[in-house]
Structures are given as structure tokens and as C-alpha cells.
Amino acid sequence: MLNIGDKAPDFRLTDSHGTEIKLSDFSGYRIVLYFYPKDNTSGCTLEAKEFTELLPEFKKENTVVLGVSPDSPASHLKFEEKQGLKIILLSDQDKEVLNQFGVWQLKKMCGKEHMGVVRTTYVIENDGKISHIFNKVKAAGHAAEVLRTVKG
């Protein structure tokens, strides 16, 4: 798990349009990097729509919003189109970045254990250092909470 003050590891993932995106592509910007479990599920849809709704406010703060899940780029594209999303969604099917950021964890649901994404958000400043970490996020209202943090 990464901590506040750590330099965020650079990574390379594919977006919903098949373009390779590196974290370092956004050098000079603040980055909201949020990890979510699955496209087109209720909580993930709510979170993505709220980030999309507030995207103009994030842009005013020189902030880019990136969502990461283990879903495929094709799944992300369908999710974006179906929900009218404007944020950048990145695919981590190999779970390499999910593991680097410590969000691929053992979860319990209905008494059964399985590995999955624990909803987590990192705020990375323009110097590449992590300034805030939101753990075990509840989707409703989270984007607004992150925006308030970004605005300081």
C-alpha cells in the first residue's frame, strides 16, 4: 500500500479507445486516480457519473480524473457510451497497477471470500506525490468529497 507523501508509481494502461496512457502523460496536473470494481454496476455507475458531472470543476482546479478497473477497454467503451461518461477510464486486466496501489485485496461478500478491487481514490499532486488517500470509499457523494479536498 502506498502512503501520503510517496511518489506515485508511473504506469502504462490502455483507455477505452485503445490508446496507451501513462500517468506521466499528465505531468504538471493534479490527478484524481480512482479505482473501482466493475463497469455498469450500481455503485461504480453512480461514482463515474458523479465524477463526470463535476469534471468541469476539476478542470478549473487543473485536475485530471482517471478511473481504473480490471475491465477490458471494450467494456469501458460500452460503459462510457451507455452512461454518457466523460472521464478517462483505464483497463488493468493484468491487475499490475491495482496491486502496485494496494487495491486488489481479499474481499468478503455473502460469507464467501474472493479477490477484488477495494474502492480507493488517490490524489496525486503535480509533483507526482500522493497528497490524499480515500480508502474503502462509498460511491454516493464521493466525487464531491474529492473535489472539496482538491479545492483545499
C-alpha atoms as a PDB file:
ATOM      1  CA  MET A   1       0.000   0.000   0.000  1.00  0.00           C
ATOM      2  CA  LEU A   2       1.226   3.467  -0.822  1.00  0.00           C
ATOM      3  CA  ASN A   3       1.186   6.307   1.690  1.00  0.00           C
ATOM      4  CA  ILE A   4       0.697  10.066   1.667  1.00  0.00           C
ATOM      5  CA  GLY A   5       3.964  11.680   0.588  1.00  0.00           C
ATOM      6  CA  ASP A   6       5.032   8.717  -1.563  1.00  0.00           C
ATOM      7  CA  LYS A   7       5.759   9.289  -5.222  1.00  0.00           C
ATOM      8  CA  ALA A   8       3.036   7.583  -7.257  1.00  0.00           C
ATOM      9  CA  PRO A   9       4.482   4.840  -9.457  1.00  0.00           C
ATOM     10  CA  ASP A  10       4.304   5.613 -13.163  1.00  0.00           C
ATOM     11  CA  PHE A  11       2.322   3.102 -15.158  1.00  0.00           C
ATOM     12  CA  ARG A  12       1.025   2.451 -18.651  1.00  0.00           C
ATOM     13  CA  LEU A  13      -2.559   1.281 -19.225  1.00  0.00           C
ATOM     14  CA  THR A  14      -4.963   1.234 -22.170  1.00  0.00           C
ATOM     15  CA  ASP A  15      -8.004   3.507 -22.227  1.00  0.00           C
ATOM     16  CA  SER A  16     -11.456   2.756 -23.644  1.00  0.00           C
ATOM     17  CA  HIS A  17     -10.340   3.771 -27.152  1.00  0.00           C
ATOM     18  CA  GLY A  18      -7.261   1.510 -27.207  1.00  0.00           C
ATOM     19  CA  THR A  19      -4.797   4.341 -26.531  1.00  0.00           C
ATOM     20  CA  GLU A  20      -1.910   3.681 -24.163  1.00  0.00           C
ATOM     21  CA  ILE A  21      -1.908   6.209 -21.350  1.00  0.00           C
ATOM     22  CA  LYS A  22       0.937   6.771 -18.883  1.00  0.00           C
ATOM     23  CA  LEU A  23       0.498   8.510 -15.555  1.00  0.00           C
ATOM     24  CA  SER A  24       3.453  10.711 -16.524  1.00  0.00           C
ATOM     25  CA  ASP A  25       1.435  11.946 -19.548  1.00  0.00           C
ATOM     26  CA  PHE A  26      -0.313  14.202 -17.015  1.00  0.00           C
ATOM     27  CA  SER A  27       2.831  15.757 -15.567  1.00  0.00           C
ATOM     28  CA  GLY A  28       2.027  19.270 -14.340  1.00  0.00           C
ATOM     29  CA  TYR A  29      -1.571  18.351 -13.479  1.00  0.00           C
ATOM     30  CA  ARG A  30      -3.098  17.145 -10.252  1.00  0.00           C
ATOM     31  CA  ILE A  31      -4.531  13.659 -10.781  1.00  0.00           C
ATOM     32  CA  VAL A  32      -7.515  12.041  -9.133  1.00  0.00           C
ATOM     33  CA  LEU A  33      -6.843   8.335  -9.606  1.00  0.00           C
ATOM     34  CA  TYR A  34      -9.811   6.302  -8.531  1.00  0.00           C
ATOM     35  CA  PHE A  35     -10.034   2.524  -8.506  1.00  0.00           C
ATOM     36  CA  TYR A  36     -13.403   0.834  -8.852  1.00  0.00           C
ATOM     37  CA  PRO A  37     -14.550  -2.797  -9.065  1.00  0.00           C
ATOM     38  CA  LYS A  38     -16.667  -3.174 -12.213  1.00  0.00           C
ATOM     39  CA  ASP A  39     -18.244  -1.296 -15.120  1.00  0.00           C
ATOM     40  CA  ASN A  40     -22.044  -0.948 -15.198  1.00  0.00           C
ATOM     41  CA  THR A  41     -22.656  -1.924 -11.578  1.00  0.00           C
ATOM     42  CA  SER A  42     -24.779   0.390  -9.449  1.00  0.00           C
ATOM     43  CA  GLY A  43     -22.080   1.873  -7.192  1.00  0.00           C
ATOM     44  CA  CYS A  44     -19.492   2.171  -9.941  1.00  0.00           C
ATOM     45  CA  THR A  45     -22.002   3.799 -12.283  1.00  0.00           C
ATOM     46  CA  LEU A  46     -23.019   6.315  -9.618  1.00  0.00           C
ATOM     47  CA  GLU A  47     -19.383   7.173  -8.854  1.00  0.00           C
ATOM     48  CA  ALA A  48     -18.425   7.558 -12.535  1.00  0.00           C
ATOM     49  CA  LYS A  49     -21.475   9.725 -13.277  1.00  0.00           C
ATOM     50  CA  GLU A  50     -20.727  11.976 -10.300  1.00  0.00           C
ATOM     51  CA  PHE A  51     -17.091  12.413 -11.412  1.00  0.00           C
ATOM     52  CA  THR A  52     -18.325  13.181 -14.951  1.00  0.00           C
ATOM     53  CA  GLU A  53     -20.831  15.742 -13.626  1.00  0.00           C
ATOM     54  CA  LEU A  54     -18.099  17.523 -11.640  1.00  0.00           C
ATOM     55  CA  LEU A  55     -15.421  17.247 -14.351  1.00  0.00           C
ATOM     56  CA  PRO A  56     -15.652  20.964 -15.325  1.00  0.00           C
ATOM     57  CA  GLU A  57     -14.969  21.875 -11.673  1.00  0.00           C
ATOM     58  CA  PHE A  58     -11.986  19.509 -11.529  1.00  0.00           C
ATOM     59  CA  LYS A  59     -10.637  21.040 -14.760  1.00  0.00           C
ATOM     60  CA  LYS A  60     -10.811  24.526 -13.186  1.00  0.00           C
ATOM     61  CA  GLU A  61      -8.514  23.134 -10.491  1.00  0.00           C
ATOM     62  CA  ASN A  62      -6.015  21.824 -13.112  1.00  0.00           C
ATOM     63  CA  THR A  63      -7.047  18.280 -12.185  1.00  0.00           C
ATOM     64  CA  VAL A  64      -7.468  15.190 -14.361  1.00  0.00           C
ATOM     65  CA  VAL A  65      -9.776  12.329 -13.305  1.00  0.00           C
ATOM     66  CA  LEU A  66      -8.723   8.770 -14.166  1.00  0.00           C
ATOM     67  CA  GLY A  67     -10.774   5.688 -13.297  1.00  0.00           C
ATOM     68  CA  VAL A  68      -9.138   2.253 -13.208  1.00  0.00           C
ATOM     69  CA  SER A  69     -10.734  -1.200 -13.062  1.00  0.00           C
ATOM     70  CA  PRO A  70      -9.826  -4.686 -14.278  1.00  0.00           C
ATOM     71  CA  ASP A  71     -12.478  -4.473 -17.044  1.00  0.00           C
ATOM     72  CA  SER A  72     -11.408  -4.547 -20.702  1.00  0.00           C
ATOM     73  CA  PRO A  73     -11.121  -1.428 -22.888  1.00  0.00           C
ATOM     74  CA  ALA A  74     -14.212  -2.655 -24.821  1.00  0.00           C
ATOM     75  CA  SER A  75     -16.184  -2.892 -21.568  1.00  0.00           C
ATOM     76  CA  HIS A  76     -15.056   0.637 -20.637  1.00  0.00           C
ATOM     77  CA  LEU A  77     -16.187   1.968 -24.015  1.00  0.00           C
ATOM     78  CA  LYS A  78     -19.653   0.425 -23.622  1.00  0.00           C
ATOM     79  CA  PHE A  79     -19.830   1.819 -20.063  1.00  0.00           C
ATOM     80  CA  GLU A  80     -18.860   5.321 -21.260  1.00  0.00           C
ATOM     81  CA  GLU A  81     -21.352   5.271 -24.120  1.00  0.00           C
ATOM     82  CA  LYS A  82     -24.231   3.843 -22.086  1.00  0.00           C
ATOM     83  CA  GLN A  83     -23.746   6.259 -19.173  1.00  0.00           C
ATOM     84  CA  GLY A  84     -22.508   9.353 -21.070  1.00  0.00           C
ATOM     85  CA  LEU A  85     -19.205   9.387 -19.181  1.00  0.00           C
ATOM     86  CA  LYS A  86     -16.516  11.987 -19.932  1.00  0.00           C
ATOM     87  CA  ILE A  87     -13.774  10.814 -17.576  1.00  0.00           C
ATOM     88  CA  ILE A  88     -10.833   8.691 -18.728  1.00  0.00           C
ATOM     89  CA  LEU A  89     -11.269   5.006 -17.909  1.00  0.00           C
ATOM     90  CA  LEU A  90      -8.213   2.754 -17.887  1.00  0.00           C
ATOM     91  CA  SER A  91      -8.080  -1.027 -18.134  1.00  0.00           C
ATOM     92  CA  ASP A  92      -5.848  -3.066 -15.817  1.00  0.00           C
ATOM     93  CA  GLN A  93      -6.741  -6.614 -16.796  1.00  0.00           C
ATOM     94  CA  ASP A  94      -3.362  -7.915 -15.541  1.00  0.00           C
ATOM     95  CA  LYS A  95      -4.022  -6.204 -12.168  1.00  0.00           C
ATOM     96  CA  GLU A  96      -0.453  -4.893 -12.115  1.00  0.00           C
ATOM     97  CA  VAL A  97      -1.406  -1.304 -11.227  1.00  0.00           C
ATOM     98  CA  LEU A  98      -4.192  -2.486  -8.899  1.00  0.00           C
ATOM     99  CA  ASN A  99      -1.512  -4.391  -6.976  1.00  0.00           C
ATOM    100  CA  GLN A 100       1.005  -1.505  -7.088  1.00  0.00           C
ATOM    101  CA  PHE A 101      -1.560   0.778  -5.449  1.00  0.00           C
ATOM    102  CA  GLY A 102      -2.654  -1.914  -2.978  1.00  0.00           C
ATOM    103  CA  VAL A 103      -6.311  -2.004  -4.017  1.00  0.00           C
ATOM    104  CA  TRP A 104      -6.520  -5.644  -5.242  1.00  0.00           C
ATOM    105  CA  GLN A 105      -7.450  -7.338  -1.984  1.00  0.00           C
ATOM    106  CA  LEU A 106      -9.301 -10.231  -0.435  1.00  0.00           C
ATOM    107  CA  LYS A 107     -12.966  -9.266  -0.034  1.00  0.00           C
ATOM    108  CA  LYS A 108     -15.895 -10.966   1.682  1.00  0.00           C
ATOM    109  CA  MET A 109     -19.372 -10.991   0.223  1.00  0.00           C
ATOM    110  CA  CYS A 110     -22.279 -13.143   1.380  1.00  0.00           C
ATOM    111  CA  GLY A 111     -19.865 -15.172   3.507  1.00  0.00           C
ATOM    112  CA  LYS A 112     -17.588 -16.004   0.562  1.00  0.00           C
ATOM    113  CA  GLU A 113     -14.075 -14.693   0.042  1.00  0.00           C
ATOM    114  CA  HIS A 114     -12.725 -13.563  -3.316  1.00  0.00           C
ATOM    115  CA  MET A 115     -10.102 -11.196  -4.680  1.00  0.00           C
ATOM    116  CA  GLY A 116     -11.375  -7.858  -5.954  1.00  0.00           C
ATOM    117  CA  VAL A 117     -10.903  -4.111  -6.125  1.00  0.00           C
ATOM    118  CA  VAL A 118     -11.429  -2.217  -2.889  1.00  0.00           C
ATOM    119  CA  ARG A 119     -12.858   1.147  -3.974  1.00  0.00           C
ATOM    120  CA  THR A 120      -9.995   3.602  -3.292  1.00  0.00           C
ATOM    121  CA  THR A 121      -9.040   7.071  -4.550  1.00  0.00           C
ATOM    122  CA  TYR A 122      -5.601   8.695  -4.646  1.00  0.00           C
ATOM    123  CA  VAL A 123      -4.984  12.405  -5.176  1.00  0.00           C
ATOM    124  CA  ILE A 124      -1.589  12.896  -6.819  1.00  0.00           C
ATOM    125  CA  GLU A 125      -0.139  16.404  -6.921  1.00  0.00           C
ATOM    126  CA  ASN A 126       1.611  17.882  -9.962  1.00  0.00           C
ATOM    127  CA  ASP A 127       4.990  16.869  -8.475  1.00  0.00           C
ATOM    128  CA  GLY A 128       3.886  13.205  -8.597  1.00  0.00           C
ATOM    129  CA  LYS A 129       3.467  12.820  -4.835  1.00  0.00           C
ATOM    130  CA  ILE A 130       0.344  11.423  -3.189  1.00  0.00           C
ATOM    131  CA  SER A 131      -1.396  14.064  -1.078  1.00  0.00           C
ATOM    132  CA  HIS A 132      -4.634  12.258  -0.125  1.00  0.00           C
ATOM    133  CA  ILE A 133      -5.901   8.687   0.021  1.00  0.00           C
ATOM    134  CA  PHE A 134      -9.563   7.770   0.368  1.00  0.00           C
ATOM    135  CA  ASN A 135      -9.918   4.145   1.499  1.00  0.00           C
ATOM    136  CA  LYS A 136     -12.985   1.874   1.325  1.00  0.00           C
ATOM    137  CA  VAL A 137     -14.943   4.596  -0.454  1.00  0.00           C
ATOM    138  CA  LYS A 138     -18.738   4.781  -0.505  1.00  0.00           C
ATOM    139  CA  ALA A 139     -19.711   5.777  -4.053  1.00  0.00           C
ATOM    140  CA  ALA A 140     -22.521   8.250  -3.289  1.00  0.00           C
ATOM    141  CA  GLY A 141     -21.125  11.757  -2.836  1.00  0.00           C
ATOM    142  CA  HIS A 142     -17.504  10.673  -3.164  1.00  0.00           C
ATOM    143  CA  ALA A 143     -16.696  12.822  -6.215  1.00  0.00           C
ATOM    144  CA  ALA A 144     -17.913  15.940  -4.366  1.00  0.00           C
ATOM    145  CA  GLU A 145     -15.809  14.999  -1.342  1.00  0.00           C
ATOM    146  CA  VAL A 146     -12.719  14.630  -3.549  1.00  0.00           C
ATOM    147  CA  LEU A 147     -13.460  17.967  -5.253  1.00  0.00           C
ATOM    148  CA  ARG A 148     -13.667  19.709  -1.864  1.00  0.00           C
ATOM    149  CA  THR A 149     -10.264  18.205  -0.984  1.00  0.00           C
ATOM    150  CA  VAL A 150      -8.760  19.310  -4.307  1.00  0.00           C
ATOM    151  CA  LYS A 151     -10.074  22.851  -3.808  1.00  0.00           C
ATOM    152  CA  GLY A 152      -8.457  22.817  -0.361  1.00  0.00           C
END
